[in-house]
Amino acid sequence: METLTSRGRAVRLGVTALGLALLLVGTVRGTDDDFPFGPFRMYSTSDPPDAPAPDTRVEGVDRTGAVVELGQDATGIRRAEIEGQQGRYAADPTLLRQVADAYTERHPDAPALVEVRIVIRWYGIRDGRPTGRWTDETAVRWQADR
């Protein structure tokens, strides 16, 4: 085994110090986007035992009035992508037209969608256990020009 040179030791110590500095700054000022040098808060917090649990879905209404589930199989868009961009959809509901277009591309013979909405089902929780009750909240809605 060869002995590490003084320069090699200095480089390793410098890289280690830089990594530790990035980790420290990321921990204090970082966000999830800075991972692995920022905190990964997803698993570091928990909701109160009586807080309702959200379940987000995307659904559409076709021109016949039928409600259509717009999950990944129907549109090619993953639910996580919708949830991650929900703030953008709320700020500009016309972006939901892209979901309708994706559905039309995969189902060209299906009736056209006249509405797309992001719906959050809030499941009731009591003492950390489901109550069996829920409420639906339409968080964002886009309607086609008629």
N, C-alpha and C. Protein backbone atom coordinates (compact mmCIF):
# COMPACT_ATOMS: atom_id res chain seq x y z
N MET A 1 0.84 -1.17 0.00
CA MET A 1 0.00 0.00 0.00
C MET A 1 0.89 1.23 0.00
N GLU A 2 0.54 2.20 -0.84
CA GLU A 2 1.32 3.43 -0.91
C GLU A 2 0.87 4.42 0.14
N THR A 3 1.79 5.27 0.56
CA THR A 3 1.49 6.31 1.55
C THR A 3 0.90 7.51 0.84
N LEU A 4 -0.09 8.11 1.44
CA LEU A 4 -0.74 9.28 0.87
C LEU A 4 0.19 10.48 1.00
N THR A 5 0.34 11.24 -0.06
CA THR A 5 1.22 12.41 -0.03
C THR A 5 0.57 13.55 0.75
N SER A 6 1.37 14.53 1.07
CA SER A 6 0.84 15.70 1.79
C SER A 6 -0.21 16.41 0.94
N ARG A 7 0.06 16.52 -0.36
CA ARG A 7 -0.91 17.15 -1.26
C ARG A 7 -2.21 16.33 -1.31
N GLY A 8 -2.10 15.01 -1.37
CA GLY A 8 -3.28 14.15 -1.39
C GLY A 8 -4.11 14.31 -0.13
N ARG A 9 -3.42 14.39 1.03
CA ARG A 9 -4.13 14.61 2.29
C ARG A 9 -4.83 15.96 2.29
N ALA A 10 -4.16 16.99 1.78
CA ALA A 10 -4.74 18.34 1.76
C ALA A 10 -5.98 18.37 0.87
N VAL A 11 -5.92 17.70 -0.28
CA VAL A 11 -7.07 17.66 -1.19
C VAL A 11 -8.23 16.93 -0.52
N ARG A 12 -7.98 15.81 0.10
CA ARG A 12 -9.04 15.07 0.77
C ARG A 12 -9.65 15.87 1.91
N LEU A 13 -8.80 16.52 2.71
CA LEU A 13 -9.32 17.34 3.80
C LEU A 13 -10.15 18.51 3.25
N GLY A 14 -9.69 19.12 2.16
CA GLY A 14 -10.43 20.24 1.55
C GLY A 14 -11.79 19.80 1.04
N VAL A 15 -11.83 18.66 0.35
CA VAL A 15 -13.10 18.14 -0.18
C VAL A 15 -14.04 17.77 0.97
N THR A 16 -13.49 17.18 2.02
CA THR A 16 -14.30 16.83 3.19
C THR A 16 -14.85 18.08 3.86
N ALA A 17 -14.02 19.10 4.02
CA ALA A 17 -14.46 20.36 4.63
C ALA A 17 -15.54 21.03 3.78
N LEU A 18 -15.37 21.00 2.46
CA LEU A 18 -16.37 21.59 1.56
C LEU A 18 -17.70 20.83 1.68
N GLY A 19 -17.64 19.51 1.70
CA GLY A 19 -18.85 18.70 1.85
C GLY A 19 -19.55 18.98 3.17
N LEU A 20 -18.81 19.07 4.25
CA LEU A 20 -19.40 19.37 5.56
C LEU A 20 -20.00 20.77 5.58
N ALA A 21 -19.31 21.74 4.96
CA ALA A 21 -19.84 23.11 4.90
C ALA A 21 -21.15 23.14 4.11
N LEU A 22 -21.21 22.45 2.97
CA LEU A 22 -22.45 22.39 2.19
C LEU A 22 -23.56 21.73 2.99
N LEU A 23 -23.24 20.69 3.70
CA LEU A 23 -24.23 20.00 4.52
C LEU A 23 -24.76 20.91 5.63
N LEU A 24 -23.88 21.66 6.27
CA LEU A 24 -24.28 22.56 7.34
C LEU A 24 -25.16 23.69 6.80
N VAL A 25 -24.73 24.33 5.71
CA VAL A 25 -25.51 25.42 5.11
C VAL A 25 -26.85 24.89 4.62
N GLY A 26 -26.85 23.73 3.99
CA GLY A 26 -28.09 23.15 3.50
C GLY A 26 -29.05 22.79 4.62
N THR A 27 -28.52 22.33 5.73
CA THR A 27 -29.38 21.98 6.87
C THR A 27 -30.03 23.22 7.46
N VAL A 28 -29.29 24.32 7.53
CA VAL A 28 -29.79 25.55 8.14
C VAL A 28 -30.69 26.33 7.19
N ARG A 29 -30.30 26.45 5.92
CA ARG A 29 -31.02 27.31 4.98
C ARG A 29 -31.63 26.58 3.79
N GLY A 30 -31.41 25.30 3.68
CA GLY A 30 -31.83 24.57 2.49
C GLY A 30 -33.29 24.15 2.49
N THR A 31 -33.69 23.62 1.33
CA THR A 31 -35.03 23.07 1.15
C THR A 31 -34.89 21.65 0.63
N ASP A 32 -36.03 20.99 0.43
CA ASP A 32 -36.00 19.62 -0.10
C ASP A 32 -35.31 19.56 -1.46
N ASP A 33 -35.39 20.64 -2.24
CA ASP A 33 -34.77 20.66 -3.56
C ASP A 33 -33.25 20.61 -3.50
N ASP A 34 -32.67 20.94 -2.35
CA ASP A 34 -31.21 20.94 -2.19
C ASP A 34 -30.66 19.58 -1.76
N PHE A 35 -31.53 18.57 -1.65
CA PHE A 35 -31.10 17.24 -1.23
C PHE A 35 -30.01 16.74 -2.17
N PRO A 36 -28.95 16.16 -1.71
CA PRO A 36 -28.67 15.60 -0.39
C PRO A 36 -28.02 16.57 0.59
N PHE A 37 -27.80 17.83 0.16
CA PHE A 37 -27.18 18.77 1.09
C PHE A 37 -28.21 19.57 1.88
N GLY A 38 -29.46 19.43 1.55
CA GLY A 38 -30.53 20.08 2.30
C GLY A 38 -31.35 19.05 3.03
N PRO A 39 -32.22 19.51 3.90
CA PRO A 39 -33.04 18.57 4.67
C PRO A 39 -34.06 17.86 3.78
N PHE A 40 -34.38 16.66 4.12
CA PHE A 40 -35.40 15.90 3.41
C PHE A 40 -36.58 15.82 4.36
N ARG A 41 -37.39 16.87 4.37
CA ARG A 41 -38.45 17.03 5.37
C ARG A 41 -39.60 16.04 5.23
N MET A 42 -39.68 15.38 4.10
CA MET A 42 -40.81 14.47 3.86
C MET A 42 -41.01 13.50 5.02
N TYR A 43 -39.93 13.00 5.57
CA TYR A 43 -40.03 11.99 6.62
C TYR A 43 -39.72 12.54 8.01
N SER A 44 -39.49 13.86 8.11
CA SER A 44 -39.09 14.40 9.41
C SER A 44 -40.24 15.05 10.16
N THR A 45 -41.43 15.06 9.58
CA THR A 45 -42.57 15.66 10.24
C THR A 45 -43.74 14.68 10.23
N SER A 46 -44.71 14.98 11.06
CA SER A 46 -45.93 14.16 11.05
C SER A 46 -47.12 15.07 11.31
N ASP A 47 -48.28 14.62 10.89
CA ASP A 47 -49.50 15.36 11.12
C ASP A 47 -50.06 14.99 12.49
N PRO A 48 -50.87 15.88 13.07
CA PRO A 48 -51.53 15.54 14.33
C PRO A 48 -52.42 14.31 14.15
N PRO A 49 -52.67 13.55 15.20
CA PRO A 49 -53.43 12.30 15.08
C PRO A 49 -54.89 12.49 14.66
N ASP A 50 -55.41 13.71 14.74
CA ASP A 50 -56.80 13.95 14.33
C ASP A 50 -56.90 14.76 13.04
N ALA A 51 -55.79 14.99 12.36
CA ALA A 51 -55.80 15.77 11.11
C ALA A 51 -56.30 14.90 9.96
N PRO A 52 -57.17 15.45 9.12
CA PRO A 52 -57.65 14.66 7.98
C PRO A 52 -56.52 14.34 7.00
N ALA A 53 -56.64 13.22 6.32
CA ALA A 53 -55.61 12.77 5.37
C ALA A 53 -56.07 13.06 3.95
N PRO A 54 -55.25 13.77 3.16
CA PRO A 54 -55.66 14.10 1.80
C PRO A 54 -55.33 13.00 0.80
N ASP A 55 -56.19 12.84 -0.19
CA ASP A 55 -55.96 11.93 -1.31
C ASP A 55 -56.36 12.69 -2.57
N THR A 56 -55.37 13.08 -3.35
CA THR A 56 -55.61 13.92 -4.52
C THR A 56 -55.85 13.06 -5.76
N ARG A 57 -56.81 13.50 -6.57
CA ARG A 57 -57.07 12.81 -7.84
C ARG A 57 -57.43 13.85 -8.88
N VAL A 58 -57.34 13.45 -10.14
CA VAL A 58 -57.74 14.31 -11.24
C VAL A 58 -58.89 13.61 -11.95
N GLU A 59 -59.93 14.36 -12.22
CA GLU A 59 -61.06 13.79 -12.94
C GLU A 59 -61.55 14.79 -13.98
N GLY A 60 -62.20 14.25 -14.97
CA GLY A 60 -62.75 15.09 -16.02
C GLY A 60 -64.22 14.79 -16.21
N VAL A 61 -64.88 15.68 -16.91
CA VAL A 61 -66.27 15.49 -17.29
C VAL A 61 -66.32 15.59 -18.80
N ASP A 62 -66.85 14.54 -19.45
CA ASP A 62 -66.92 14.60 -20.91
C ASP A 62 -68.21 15.28 -21.35
N ARG A 63 -68.35 15.48 -22.65
CA ARG A 63 -69.50 16.24 -23.15
C ARG A 63 -70.83 15.54 -22.91
N THR A 64 -70.80 14.22 -22.56
CA THR A 64 -72.04 13.52 -22.24
C THR A 64 -72.41 13.67 -20.77
N GLY A 65 -71.51 14.27 -19.99
CA GLY A 65 -71.75 14.45 -18.56
C GLY A 65 -71.13 13.37 -17.69
N ALA A 66 -70.50 12.38 -18.31
CA ALA A 66 -69.87 11.29 -17.55
C ALA A 66 -68.57 11.78 -16.90
N VAL A 67 -68.35 11.34 -15.67
CA VAL A 67 -67.11 11.67 -14.96
C VAL A 67 -66.07 10.61 -15.32
N VAL A 68 -64.89 11.07 -15.71
CA VAL A 68 -63.81 10.20 -16.18
C VAL A 68 -62.61 10.36 -15.25
N GLU A 69 -62.09 9.24 -14.74
CA GLU A 69 -60.88 9.30 -13.92
C GLU A 69 -59.69 9.58 -14.84
N LEU A 70 -58.89 10.58 -14.50
CA LEU A 70 -57.76 10.97 -15.33
C LEU A 70 -56.44 10.64 -14.63
N GLY A 71 -56.26 9.36 -14.36
CA GLY A 71 -55.02 8.89 -13.76
C GLY A 71 -53.95 8.67 -14.80
N GLN A 72 -52.87 8.05 -14.38
CA GLN A 72 -51.72 7.82 -15.27
C GLN A 72 -52.09 6.98 -16.48
N ASP A 73 -52.91 5.96 -16.31
CA ASP A 73 -53.28 5.11 -17.44
C ASP A 73 -54.07 5.88 -18.49
N ALA A 74 -54.88 6.83 -18.04
CA ALA A 74 -55.74 7.58 -18.96
C ALA A 74 -55.01 8.72 -19.66
N THR A 75 -53.98 9.28 -19.01
CA THR A 75 -53.33 10.47 -19.55
C THR A 75 -51.83 10.35 -19.75
N GLY A 76 -51.20 9.41 -19.05
CA GLY A 76 -49.75 9.31 -19.09
C GLY A 76 -49.08 10.26 -18.10
N ILE A 77 -49.87 10.97 -17.32
CA ILE A 77 -49.35 11.92 -16.34
C ILE A 77 -49.51 11.31 -14.95
N ARG A 78 -48.38 11.22 -14.23
CA ARG A 78 -48.43 10.64 -12.89
C ARG A 78 -49.08 11.59 -11.89
N ARG A 79 -49.74 11.03 -10.92
CA ARG A 79 -50.39 11.83 -9.88
C ARG A 79 -49.39 12.72 -9.16
N ALA A 80 -48.19 12.22 -8.93
CA ALA A 80 -47.17 13.00 -8.23
C ALA A 80 -46.82 14.27 -9.02
N GLU A 81 -46.85 14.18 -10.34
CA GLU A 81 -46.57 15.36 -11.16
C GLU A 81 -47.67 16.40 -10.97
N ILE A 82 -48.91 15.95 -10.90
CA ILE A 82 -50.03 16.87 -10.68
C ILE A 82 -49.92 17.50 -9.29
N GLU A 83 -49.69 16.67 -8.28
CA GLU A 83 -49.60 17.18 -6.91
C GLU A 83 -48.43 18.15 -6.77
N GLY A 84 -47.31 17.83 -7.40
CA GLY A 84 -46.14 18.69 -7.31
C GLY A 84 -46.33 20.05 -7.97
N GLN A 85 -47.21 20.11 -8.95
CA GLN A 85 -47.46 21.35 -9.68
C GLN A 85 -48.81 21.98 -9.31
N GLN A 86 -49.43 21.51 -8.25
CA GLN A 86 -50.78 21.97 -7.92
C GLN A 86 -50.84 23.48 -7.74
N GLY A 87 -49.82 24.07 -7.18
CA GLY A 87 -49.80 25.53 -7.02
C GLY A 87 -49.86 26.25 -8.36
N ARG A 88 -49.15 25.72 -9.35
CA ARG A 88 -49.19 26.31 -10.70
C ARG A 88 -50.58 26.17 -11.31
N TYR A 89 -51.20 25.00 -11.12
CA TYR A 89 -52.55 24.79 -11.66
C TYR A 89 -53.55 25.73 -10.98
N ALA A 90 -53.39 25.95 -9.68
CA ALA A 90 -54.29 26.85 -8.97
C ALA A 90 -54.12 28.29 -9.47
N ALA A 91 -52.88 28.67 -9.73
CA ALA A 91 -52.62 30.03 -10.23
C ALA A 91 -53.10 30.21 -11.66
N ASP A 92 -53.06 29.15 -12.45
CA ASP A 92 -53.48 29.23 -13.86
C ASP A 92 -54.21 27.94 -14.24
N PRO A 93 -55.51 27.86 -13.95
CA PRO A 93 -56.27 26.64 -14.23
C PRO A 93 -56.27 26.22 -15.70
N THR A 94 -55.95 27.14 -16.61
CA THR A 94 -55.92 26.76 -18.03
C THR A 94 -54.83 25.73 -18.32
N LEU A 95 -53.88 25.57 -17.42
CA LEU A 95 -52.85 24.54 -17.60
C LEU A 95 -53.45 23.14 -17.58
N LEU A 96 -54.63 22.99 -16.96
CA LEU A 96 -55.29 21.68 -16.92
C LEU A 96 -55.74 21.24 -18.32
N ARG A 97 -55.75 22.16 -19.26
CA ARG A 97 -56.08 21.80 -20.64
C ARG A 97 -55.08 20.76 -21.16
N GLN A 98 -53.84 20.83 -20.69
CA GLN A 98 -52.82 19.85 -21.10
C GLN A 98 -53.22 18.45 -20.68
N VAL A 99 -53.87 18.31 -19.54
CA VAL A 99 -54.35 17.01 -19.08
C VAL A 99 -55.45 16.53 -20.02
N ALA A 100 -56.36 17.43 -20.37
CA ALA A 100 -57.43 17.08 -21.32
C ALA A 100 -56.84 16.67 -22.66
N ASP A 101 -55.82 17.40 -23.12
CA ASP A 101 -55.18 17.07 -24.40
C ASP A 101 -54.49 15.71 -24.34
N ALA A 102 -53.85 15.42 -23.21
CA ALA A 102 -53.20 14.11 -23.05
C ALA A 102 -54.22 12.98 -23.08
N TYR A 103 -55.37 13.22 -22.45
CA TYR A 103 -56.45 12.21 -22.48
C TYR A 103 -56.95 12.01 -23.91
N THR A 104 -57.18 13.09 -24.63
CA THR A 104 -57.67 13.01 -26.01
C THR A 104 -56.68 12.28 -26.90
N GLU A 105 -55.40 12.51 -26.68
CA GLU A 105 -54.37 11.84 -27.48
C GLU A 105 -54.39 10.33 -27.27
N ARG A 106 -54.64 9.91 -26.04
CA ARG A 106 -54.68 8.47 -25.73
C ARG A 106 -56.03 7.83 -26.04
N HIS A 107 -57.08 8.64 -26.10
CA HIS A 107 -58.44 8.13 -26.32
C HIS A 107 -59.13 8.96 -27.40
N PRO A 108 -58.66 8.87 -28.65
CA PRO A 108 -59.19 9.74 -29.70
C PRO A 108 -60.67 9.51 -30.01
N ASP A 109 -61.20 8.35 -29.72
CA ASP A 109 -62.60 8.06 -30.02
C ASP A 109 -63.54 8.37 -28.86
N ALA A 110 -63.01 8.76 -27.72
CA ALA A 110 -63.84 9.06 -26.54
C ALA A 110 -64.45 10.45 -26.69
N PRO A 111 -65.59 10.67 -26.04
CA PRO A 111 -66.18 12.02 -26.07
C PRO A 111 -65.20 13.05 -25.49
N ALA A 112 -65.20 14.24 -26.03
CA ALA A 112 -64.29 15.30 -25.60
C ALA A 112 -64.57 15.71 -24.15
N LEU A 113 -63.50 16.07 -23.45
CA LEU A 113 -63.64 16.56 -22.08
C LEU A 113 -64.01 18.03 -22.11
N VAL A 114 -64.99 18.39 -21.30
CA VAL A 114 -65.40 19.78 -21.20
C VAL A 114 -64.97 20.40 -19.87
N GLU A 115 -64.48 19.56 -18.96
CA GLU A 115 -64.02 20.03 -17.66
C GLU A 115 -62.96 19.09 -17.13
N VAL A 116 -61.94 19.66 -16.50
CA VAL A 116 -60.92 18.89 -15.79
C VAL A 116 -60.78 19.55 -14.42
N ARG A 117 -60.71 18.71 -13.38
CA ARG A 117 -60.59 19.27 -12.04
C ARG A 117 -59.67 18.41 -11.17
N ILE A 118 -59.01 19.10 -10.27
CA ILE A 118 -58.20 18.44 -9.25
C ILE A 118 -59.05 18.40 -7.99
N VAL A 119 -59.29 17.18 -7.51
CA VAL A 119 -60.17 16.99 -6.36
C VAL A 119 -59.35 16.35 -5.23
N ILE A 120 -59.50 16.91 -4.05
CA ILE A 120 -58.84 16.34 -2.88
C ILE A 120 -59.91 15.72 -2.00
N ARG A 121 -59.77 14.44 -1.74
CA ARG A 121 -60.66 13.75 -0.81
C ARG A 121 -59.98 13.76 0.56
N TRP A 122 -60.62 14.40 1.51
CA TRP A 122 -60.10 14.49 2.87
C TRP A 122 -60.73 13.39 3.71
N TYR A 123 -59.93 12.38 4.05
CA TYR A 123 -60.41 11.27 4.88
C TYR A 123 -60.34 11.67 6.34
N GLY A 124 -61.43 11.45 7.05
CA GLY A 124 -61.48 11.75 8.48
C GLY A 124 -60.60 10.80 9.28
N ILE A 125 -59.87 11.37 10.22
CA ILE A 125 -58.97 10.59 11.09
C ILE A 125 -59.27 10.99 12.54
N ARG A 126 -59.38 10.01 13.41
CA ARG A 126 -59.59 10.27 14.83
C ARG A 126 -58.65 9.36 15.61
N ASP A 127 -57.82 9.96 16.44
CA ASP A 127 -56.82 9.20 17.22
C ASP A 127 -55.95 8.34 16.32
N GLY A 128 -55.60 8.87 15.15
CA GLY A 128 -54.72 8.17 14.23
C GLY A 128 -55.37 7.05 13.44
N ARG A 129 -56.69 6.90 13.52
CA ARG A 129 -57.41 5.83 12.83
C ARG A 129 -58.46 6.44 11.90
N PRO A 130 -58.69 5.82 10.74
CA PRO A 130 -59.72 6.34 9.83
C PRO A 130 -61.11 6.22 10.44
N THR A 131 -61.93 7.25 10.19
CA THR A 131 -63.29 7.26 10.72
C THR A 131 -64.29 6.66 9.74
N GLY A 132 -63.91 6.52 8.48
CA GLY A 132 -64.82 6.04 7.46
C GLY A 132 -65.59 7.16 6.78
N ARG A 133 -65.38 8.39 7.21
CA ARG A 133 -66.04 9.54 6.59
C ARG A 133 -65.02 10.33 5.78
N TRP A 134 -65.53 11.04 4.77
CA TRP A 134 -64.65 11.88 3.98
C TRP A 134 -65.45 13.02 3.37
N THR A 135 -64.72 14.03 2.92
CA THR A 135 -65.31 15.13 2.16
C THR A 135 -64.44 15.39 0.95
N ASP A 136 -65.06 15.76 -0.15
CA ASP A 136 -64.33 16.10 -1.37
C ASP A 136 -64.26 17.61 -1.53
N GLU A 137 -63.08 18.08 -1.91
CA GLU A 137 -62.86 19.50 -2.16
C GLU A 137 -62.30 19.65 -3.57
N THR A 138 -62.96 20.43 -4.41
CA THR A 138 -62.43 20.72 -5.74
C THR A 138 -61.43 21.86 -5.57
N ALA A 139 -60.15 21.52 -5.73
CA ALA A 139 -59.10 22.50 -5.52
C ALA A 139 -58.89 23.40 -6.73
N VAL A 140 -58.98 22.81 -7.93
CA VAL A 140 -58.77 23.56 -9.17
C VAL A 140 -59.72 23.03 -10.22
N ARG A 141 -60.26 23.95 -11.02
CA ARG A 141 -61.20 23.54 -12.07
C ARG A 141 -60.89 24.31 -13.34
N TRP A 142 -60.89 23.58 -14.47
CA TRP A 142 -60.78 24.20 -15.79
C TRP A 142 -61.97 23.74 -16.62
N GLN A 143 -62.60 24.68 -17.30
CA GLN A 143 -63.72 24.34 -18.19
C GLN A 143 -63.38 24.79 -19.60
N ALA A 144 -63.68 23.91 -20.56
CA ALA A 144 -63.43 24.22 -21.97
C ALA A 144 -64.37 25.34 -22.43
N ASP A 145 -63.90 26.10 -23.40
CA ASP A 145 -64.78 27.11 -24.01
C ASP A 145 -65.88 26.40 -24.75
N ARG A 146 -67.06 26.83 -24.54
CA ARG A 146 -68.22 26.15 -25.15
C ARG A 146 -68.58 26.76 -26.47
